[in-house]
Amino acid sequence: MTSRFDLVTIDSPQTDRLAAFWRAALDLHESEREDGDRWIVLSSAAGERRIGVQRGAHRPGGTHLDLACDPDEFDAEHARLLSIGASELAPARHEAYGSIVTLADPDGNVFDLCAYV
């Protein structure tokens, strides 16, 4: 199985402020929150995850895609993405919520591969 699109993530030092803006702009609601304001997910009325806001330094191009796979597929999908040209920007992390690795496509565009438990 290959990765599937999960959501667009925006890096911000002020996650609550940015999440409030996108919530109002797109008529979304907060559906997930972790570690205070470290990670906020905004979803549609139907429950589809649309935007993630994660605490981090704002920088040009601070928006990135999150791809998802099943936890038992994480290692193989990570290897597959590297084999087709992705580069690893930081080692994979295994957290209570699942596994995540930050990668870049061949042009340097950042994306994450996530496997939620």
Protein backbone atom coordinates (compact mmCIF):
# COMPACT_ATOMS: atom_id res chain seq x y z
CA MET A 1 0.00 0.00 0.00
CA THR A 2 1.23 3.52 -0.71
CA SER A 3 0.87 6.63 1.40
CA ARG A 4 -2.37 8.55 1.32
CA PHE A 5 -2.87 12.29 1.61
CA ASP A 6 -3.75 13.29 5.16
CA LEU A 7 -3.77 17.07 5.49
CA VAL A 8 -1.89 20.31 4.92
CA THR A 9 0.14 21.41 7.93
CA ILE A 10 1.15 24.98 8.72
CA ASP A 11 4.08 25.74 11.04
CA SER A 12 3.51 28.65 13.41
CA PRO A 13 4.97 29.98 16.67
CA GLN A 14 1.39 31.04 17.61
CA THR A 15 -0.73 27.99 16.87
CA ASP A 16 -3.86 29.14 18.72
CA ARG A 17 -3.94 32.44 16.81
CA LEU A 18 -3.38 30.80 13.44
CA ALA A 19 -5.87 27.99 14.10
CA ALA A 20 -8.51 30.58 15.07
CA PHE A 21 -7.94 32.40 11.77
CA TRP A 22 -8.30 29.26 9.60
CA ARG A 23 -11.24 28.02 11.67
CA ALA A 24 -13.10 31.26 10.92
CA ALA A 25 -11.89 31.59 7.33
CA LEU A 26 -12.98 28.10 6.28
CA ASP A 27 -15.80 27.40 8.77
CA LEU A 28 -13.87 24.52 10.33
CA HIS A 29 -13.87 23.20 13.90
CA GLU A 30 -11.08 22.01 16.14
CA SER A 31 -11.07 18.22 16.16
CA GLU A 32 -7.71 17.41 17.77
CA ARG A 33 -5.26 19.07 20.14
CA GLU A 34 -2.04 17.71 21.64
CA ASP A 35 0.41 19.06 24.19
CA GLY A 36 -1.44 22.30 24.85
CA ASP A 37 -0.90 24.21 21.62
CA ARG A 38 1.79 22.06 19.94
CA TRP A 39 -0.59 20.41 17.46
CA ILE A 40 -4.11 21.47 16.44
CA VAL A 41 -6.21 19.83 13.73
CA LEU A 42 -9.13 21.61 12.06
CA SER A 43 -11.82 19.54 10.40
CA SER A 44 -14.94 20.05 8.30
CA ALA A 45 -18.45 19.64 9.70
CA ALA A 46 -18.41 16.13 8.21
CA GLY A 47 -15.28 15.29 10.22
CA GLU A 48 -12.70 15.36 7.39
CA ARG A 49 -9.31 16.56 8.60
CA ARG A 50 -8.34 19.64 6.57
CA ILE A 51 -5.57 21.69 8.23
CA GLY A 52 -3.00 20.91 10.91
CA VAL A 53 -1.31 23.74 12.76
CA GLN A 54 1.89 22.74 14.53
CA ARG A 55 4.12 24.77 16.76
CA GLY A 56 7.31 25.68 14.96
CA ALA A 57 9.20 28.62 13.56
CA HIS A 58 7.37 30.37 10.76
CA ARG A 59 9.40 30.46 7.59
CA PRO A 60 8.61 31.02 3.94
CA GLY A 61 7.23 27.76 2.65
CA GLY A 62 6.21 26.77 6.20
CA THR A 63 3.28 24.81 4.82
CA HIS A 64 3.82 21.14 4.14
CA LEU A 65 1.87 18.01 3.31
CA ASP A 66 1.28 15.21 5.78
CA LEU A 67 1.06 11.74 4.28
CA ALA A 68 -0.32 8.85 6.32
CA CYS A 69 0.07 5.10 6.34
CA ASP A 70 -0.86 2.29 8.70
CA PRO A 71 1.54 1.73 11.61
CA ASP A 72 2.58 -1.71 10.35
CA GLU A 73 3.48 -0.17 6.97
CA PHE A 74 5.55 2.74 8.30
CA ASP A 75 9.04 1.28 7.86
CA ALA A 76 8.33 -0.08 4.37
CA GLU A 77 6.65 3.14 3.22
CA HIS A 78 9.49 5.22 4.65
CA ALA A 79 11.97 3.08 2.67
CA ARG A 80 9.82 3.28 -0.48
CA LEU A 81 9.68 7.08 -0.37
CA LEU A 82 13.46 7.24 0.04
CA SER A 83 13.90 4.84 -2.89
CA ILE A 84 11.90 7.09 -5.23
CA GLY A 85 13.89 10.21 -4.41
CA ALA A 86 12.85 11.60 -1.03
CA SER A 87 15.54 12.64 1.41
CA GLU A 88 15.30 12.32 5.17
CA LEU A 89 15.61 15.62 7.05
CA ALA A 90 15.49 14.14 10.55
CA PRO A 91 15.40 10.61 11.95
CA ALA A 92 12.02 8.95 12.39
CA ARG A 93 10.40 9.51 15.77
CA HIS A 94 8.17 7.04 17.55
CA GLU A 95 5.77 8.87 19.88
CA ALA A 96 2.72 7.83 21.91
CA TYR A 97 0.45 8.90 19.02
CA GLY A 98 2.46 7.00 16.40
CA SER A 99 5.50 7.34 14.17
CA ILE A 100 6.56 10.33 12.09
CA VAL A 101 9.47 11.18 9.83
CA THR A 102 10.20 14.50 8.10
CA LEU A 103 11.26 14.14 4.48
CA ALA A 104 11.80 16.35 1.44
CA ASP A 105 10.86 15.69 -2.16
CA PRO A 106 13.54 15.98 -4.89
CA ASP A 107 12.99 19.77 -5.08
CA GLY A 108 13.40 20.19 -1.32
CA ASN A 109 9.70 20.58 -0.45
CA VAL A 110 9.17 19.28 3.08
CA PHE A 111 6.55 16.68 3.96
CA ASP A 112 5.89 14.29 6.83
CA LEU A 113 5.04 10.60 6.75
CA CYS A 114 2.81 9.79 9.74
CA ALA A 115 1.48 6.49 11.08
CA TYR A 116 -1.07 7.14 13.78
CA VAL A 117 -1.92 4.43 16.31
